[in-house]
Protein backbone atom coordinates (compact mmCIF):
# COMPACT_ATOMS: atom_id res chain seq x y z
CA ALA A 1 0.00 0.00 0.00
CA ALA A 2 2.98 2.34 0.57
CA GLY A 3 4.38 1.58 -2.85
CA ALA A 4 7.55 -0.04 -1.50
CA GLY A 5 8.89 -2.78 -3.76
CA THR A 6 11.82 -3.88 -1.59
CA LEU A 7 12.55 -3.95 2.13
CA ARG A 8 15.72 -4.35 4.18
CA VAL A 9 15.24 -7.24 6.62
CA HIS A 10 17.32 -9.37 8.95
CA ARG A 11 16.65 -12.73 10.52
CA ARG A 12 15.91 -13.24 14.18
CA PRO A 13 19.00 -13.68 16.39
CA ARG A 14 19.90 -17.33 17.03
CA VAL A 15 20.83 -17.99 20.66
CA LEU A 16 22.50 -21.14 21.96
CA VAL A 17 21.19 -22.22 25.38
CA VAL A 18 23.45 -24.49 27.46
CA ALA A 19 22.74 -25.75 30.97
CA THR A 20 25.69 -27.32 32.80
CA GLY A 21 25.96 -29.88 35.57
CA SER A 22 26.55 -33.62 35.82
CA GLU A 23 23.55 -33.82 38.15
CA LEU A 24 21.05 -32.78 35.46
CA VAL A 25 18.71 -35.28 33.80
CA PRO A 26 15.86 -34.69 31.33
CA PRO A 27 12.47 -33.87 32.89
CA GLY A 28 10.52 -37.08 33.45
CA ALA A 29 13.60 -39.31 33.38
CA PRO A 30 14.40 -41.57 36.36
CA ARG A 31 16.74 -39.87 38.83
CA ALA A 32 19.50 -41.43 40.90
CA ARG A 33 20.65 -40.00 44.21
CA GLY A 34 22.00 -36.49 43.74
CA GLN A 35 20.36 -35.92 40.36
CA ILE A 36 17.78 -33.22 39.56
CA PRO A 37 15.66 -32.44 36.49
CA ASP A 38 17.07 -29.95 34.02
CA SER A 39 14.80 -26.91 34.22
CA ASN A 40 17.18 -24.10 33.37
CA SER A 41 17.64 -24.91 29.68
CA TYR A 42 13.87 -24.99 29.18
CA LEU A 43 13.40 -21.77 31.15
CA LEU A 44 16.06 -20.00 29.09
CA ALA A 45 14.84 -21.38 25.77
CA ALA A 46 11.33 -20.11 26.55
CA ALA A 47 12.71 -16.73 27.62
CA VAL A 48 14.77 -16.43 24.44
CA ALA A 49 11.74 -17.29 22.30
CA ALA A 50 9.60 -14.75 24.20
CA VAL A 51 12.13 -12.05 23.31
CA GLY A 52 11.56 -12.85 19.64
CA ALA A 53 14.83 -14.68 19.05
CA GLU A 54 15.41 -18.29 17.97
CA ALA A 55 16.52 -20.60 20.79
CA VAL A 56 18.96 -23.41 20.01
CA ARG A 57 18.75 -25.63 23.09
CA VAL A 58 21.23 -28.49 23.54
CA PRO A 59 21.22 -31.26 26.19
CA PRO A 60 22.89 -30.41 29.50
CA VAL A 61 26.67 -30.60 29.49
CA PRO A 62 28.38 -32.47 32.37
CA ASP A 63 31.04 -30.94 34.62
CA ASP A 64 33.78 -31.48 32.05
CA PRO A 65 35.52 -28.36 30.68
CA GLU A 66 36.64 -30.13 27.50
CA ALA A 67 33.10 -31.33 26.78
CA LEU A 68 31.74 -27.81 27.26
CA ARG A 69 34.40 -26.29 25.02
CA ALA A 70 33.51 -28.81 22.32
CA VAL A 71 29.84 -27.82 22.42
CA LEU A 72 30.63 -24.12 22.37
CA ALA A 73 33.24 -24.46 19.63
CA ALA A 74 30.75 -26.32 17.45
CA HIS A 75 28.36 -23.35 17.60
CA ASP A 76 30.85 -20.47 17.73
CA GLY A 77 30.07 -18.32 14.70
CA ALA A 78 26.92 -20.31 13.86
CA VAL A 79 24.80 -18.49 16.45
CA ASP A 80 24.54 -14.83 17.38
CA ALA A 81 24.86 -15.32 21.15
CA VAL A 82 25.34 -18.01 23.78
CA VAL A 83 23.67 -18.17 27.19
CA THR A 84 24.93 -20.69 29.76
CA ALA A 85 23.48 -21.60 33.16
CA GLY A 86 25.56 -22.82 36.10
CA GLY A 87 29.23 -23.23 36.83
CA VAL A 88 30.24 -19.58 37.35
CA SER A 89 30.73 -19.31 41.12
CA VAL A 90 33.65 -20.40 43.31
CA GLY A 91 32.93 -24.11 43.75
CA ALA A 92 35.10 -27.06 42.83
CA TYR A 93 32.94 -27.96 39.81
CA ASP A 94 32.35 -24.56 38.22
CA VAL A 95 32.74 -25.92 34.73
CA VAL A 96 31.88 -22.75 32.80
CA LYS A 97 34.54 -20.74 34.58
CA ALA A 98 37.06 -23.54 34.12
CA ALA A 99 36.25 -23.96 30.42
CA LEU A 100 36.25 -20.27 29.46
CA THR A 101 39.08 -18.91 31.57
CA GLY A 102 41.89 -18.38 29.06
CA TRP A 103 39.74 -19.58 26.15
CA GLY A 104 38.15 -16.69 24.33
CA ASP A 105 37.73 -13.40 26.20
CA VAL A 106 35.34 -13.84 29.13
CA GLU A 107 35.41 -12.03 32.47
CA PHE A 108 33.81 -13.48 35.59
CA VAL A 109 32.64 -10.91 38.12
CA ALA A 110 30.50 -10.39 41.19
CA VAL A 111 27.53 -8.11 40.48
CA ALA A 112 25.88 -6.17 43.31
CA MET A 113 22.49 -7.81 42.81
CA GLN A 114 20.45 -10.52 44.55
CA PRO A 115 19.85 -13.10 43.27
CA GLY A 116 22.43 -13.40 40.51
CA LYS A 117 25.68 -12.22 42.07
CA PRO A 118 28.16 -14.39 40.06
CA GLN A 119 28.14 -13.55 36.35
CA GLY A 120 30.33 -13.98 33.29
CA LEU A 121 30.37 -11.92 30.09
CA GLY A 122 32.58 -11.88 27.02
CA ARG A 123 33.21 -13.56 23.68
CA LEU A 124 34.13 -17.04 22.52
CA PRO A 125 37.32 -17.46 20.45
CA GLY A 126 35.32 -16.94 17.24
CA GLY A 127 33.81 -13.69 18.53
CA THR A 128 30.34 -14.92 19.56
CA PRO A 129 29.01 -13.04 22.60
CA VAL A 130 28.48 -15.28 25.64
CA TYR A 131 26.47 -14.59 28.77
CA CYS A 132 27.33 -16.90 31.68
CA LEU A 133 24.57 -17.00 34.30
CA PRO A 134 24.51 -18.71 37.71
CA GLY A 135 22.73 -22.03 38.07
CA ASN A 136 19.86 -21.67 40.53
CA PRO A 137 16.54 -21.18 38.71
CA VAL A 138 15.49 -17.84 40.21
CA SER A 139 19.01 -16.51 39.64
CA VAL A 140 18.78 -17.67 36.02
CA PHE A 141 15.44 -15.93 35.50
CA VAL A 142 16.45 -12.67 37.18
CA SER A 143 19.84 -12.58 35.44
CA PHE A 144 18.23 -13.12 32.05
CA GLU A 145 15.63 -10.41 32.63
CA VAL A 146 18.08 -7.83 33.96
CA LEU A 147 21.20 -8.51 31.89
CA VAL A 148 20.49 -10.66 28.82
CA ARG A 149 17.02 -9.73 27.62
CA PRO A 150 17.91 -6.08 26.89
CA ALA A 151 20.96 -7.19 24.89
CA LEU A 152 18.90 -9.58 22.76
CA GLN A 153 16.36 -6.84 22.14
CA ARG A 154 19.19 -4.68 20.82
CA MET A 155 20.26 -7.54 18.56
CA ARG A 156 16.74 -7.51 17.14
CA GLY A 157 17.21 -3.84 16.28
CA LEU A 158 14.78 -2.49 18.87
CA ALA A 159 15.27 0.87 20.57
CA GLU A 160 12.95 0.18 23.53
CA VAL A 161 14.59 -2.72 25.35
CA GLU A 162 13.45 -2.42 28.97
CA ARG A 163 10.45 -4.11 30.53
CA PRO A 164 7.47 -1.87 31.34
CA THR A 165 7.29 -0.89 34.99
CA VAL A 166 4.56 -0.03 37.48
CA ARG A 167 4.63 1.39 40.99
CA ALA A 168 3.08 -1.03 43.47
CA VAL A 169 2.29 -0.96 47.18
CA VAL A 170 3.97 -3.79 49.11
CA GLU A 171 1.55 -6.04 50.99
CA ASP A 172 4.13 -7.99 52.99
CA GLY A 173 7.60 -6.96 54.08
CA TRP A 174 10.92 -8.76 53.80
CA ARG A 175 14.62 -8.35 54.51
CA THR A 176 17.06 -7.21 51.85
CA PRO A 177 20.78 -7.96 51.30
CA GLN A 178 23.13 -5.22 52.41
CA GLY A 179 24.76 -3.34 49.54
CA ARG A 180 23.03 -5.24 46.73
CA ALA A 181 20.03 -4.35 44.60
CA GLN A 182 17.34 -6.97 45.09
CA TYR A 183 14.95 -8.31 42.46
CA MET A 184 12.01 -9.92 44.25
CA PRO A 185 9.54 -12.05 42.25
CA VAL A 186 6.09 -10.71 43.12
CA ALA A 187 2.46 -11.33 42.25
CA LEU A 188 0.39 -8.24 41.46
CA THR A 189 -3.29 -7.70 42.25
CA GLY A 190 -5.68 -4.77 42.14
CA ASP A 191 -5.68 -1.29 40.64
CA PRO A 192 -3.64 0.53 41.82
CA PRO A 193 -1.43 -2.56 41.98
CA VAL A 194 -0.47 -4.32 45.19
CA ALA A 195 2.65 -6.52 45.26
CA ARG A 196 3.11 -9.66 47.33
CA ARG A 197 6.05 -12.07 47.28
CA ALA A 198 5.41 -14.86 44.78
CA ALA A 199 7.01 -17.39 47.15
CA ALA A 200 6.97 -17.37 50.92
CA GLY A 201 10.76 -17.64 50.95
CA GLY A 202 11.08 -14.51 48.83
CA SER A 203 13.93 -14.25 46.37
CA GLY A 204 15.71 -17.46 47.43
CA SER A 205 17.49 -18.56 44.27
CA HIS A 206 16.18 -22.15 44.49
CA LEU A 207 12.46 -21.28 44.78
CA ALA A 208 11.54 -22.07 41.20
CA ALA A 209 7.83 -22.68 41.92
CA GLY A 210 7.37 -19.03 42.82
CA LEU A 211 8.29 -18.00 39.28
CA ALA A 212 5.04 -19.53 38.01
CA ARG A 213 3.11 -17.13 40.25
CA ALA A 214 5.23 -14.05 39.55
CA ASP A 215 3.91 -11.17 37.47
CA GLY A 216 7.14 -9.21 37.77
CA LEU A 217 10.24 -8.34 39.73
CA ALA A 218 10.07 -5.73 42.50
CA VAL A 219 13.28 -3.71 42.42
CA VAL A 220 14.70 -2.84 45.84
CA PRO A 221 17.61 -0.34 45.74
CA ALA A 222 20.92 -1.41 47.27
CA ASP A 223 20.72 1.21 50.04
CA VAL A 224 17.40 -0.11 51.42
CA ALA A 225 17.86 -2.22 54.55
CA ALA A 226 14.37 -3.73 54.67
CA VAL A 227 11.02 -3.57 52.90
CA VAL A 228 7.94 -3.08 55.06
CA ALA A 229 4.24 -3.33 54.27
CA GLY A 230 3.04 -0.09 52.72
CA ASP A 231 6.29 0.72 50.92
CA VAL A 232 5.98 1.60 47.24
CA LEU A 233 8.38 -0.15 44.84
CA THR A 234 9.00 -0.17 41.12
CA VAL A 235 8.04 -3.51 39.58
CA MET A 236 9.37 -4.75 36.23
CA ARG A 237 6.37 -6.37 34.52
CA CYS A 238 7.37 -9.79 33.19
CA ASP A 239 3.87 -11.04 32.32
CA ALA A 240 3.45 -9.23 29.01
């Protein structure tokens, strides 16, 4: 209708999703002692797709640096970004840190946020950007929303990359970590909105069930010592 005969277009970004950990088994598979279902790769693949990118999910990689490097090398240059989950802290089996230290250009840092303190960011040897997230499910979700989602939106060519926000009155109070910005999964009700923690344990990084009830993330500044009922917080809407 505009009379345009040609258009400049680009494909959706392709994003490799890799969960790490020898303890991970496919959902529904029998589990031996010490094993848990892989949820992070499915969470991240769904989050990548919701951004409008194409998720390339691979089976979980065990705690073997050489095995992880092989998977990453096979996709380096064939995807536009890589997102990993797990293996970035200070434990004995932090496979992502072991695999990427000195291979490519990746820096592992502590970010003043909760959950999601340990993070890694850089490029693989072939130049593919890689985002290395911690392994607990709530940390994975928060880290993706705060750090990765805006970057993928930029890759899509969008100018508006942040989640919409609302101001909400807190229904129940909770403690906050000293010196770190907190991202609390909350459920929203009413108009004007009222925020309540989506899980009784708050922002504990293992409380994956609360994510199903969360409408957004309440953002608590790093200089706030505690949240009390009646406080008003900014909430990143994650339900749209």
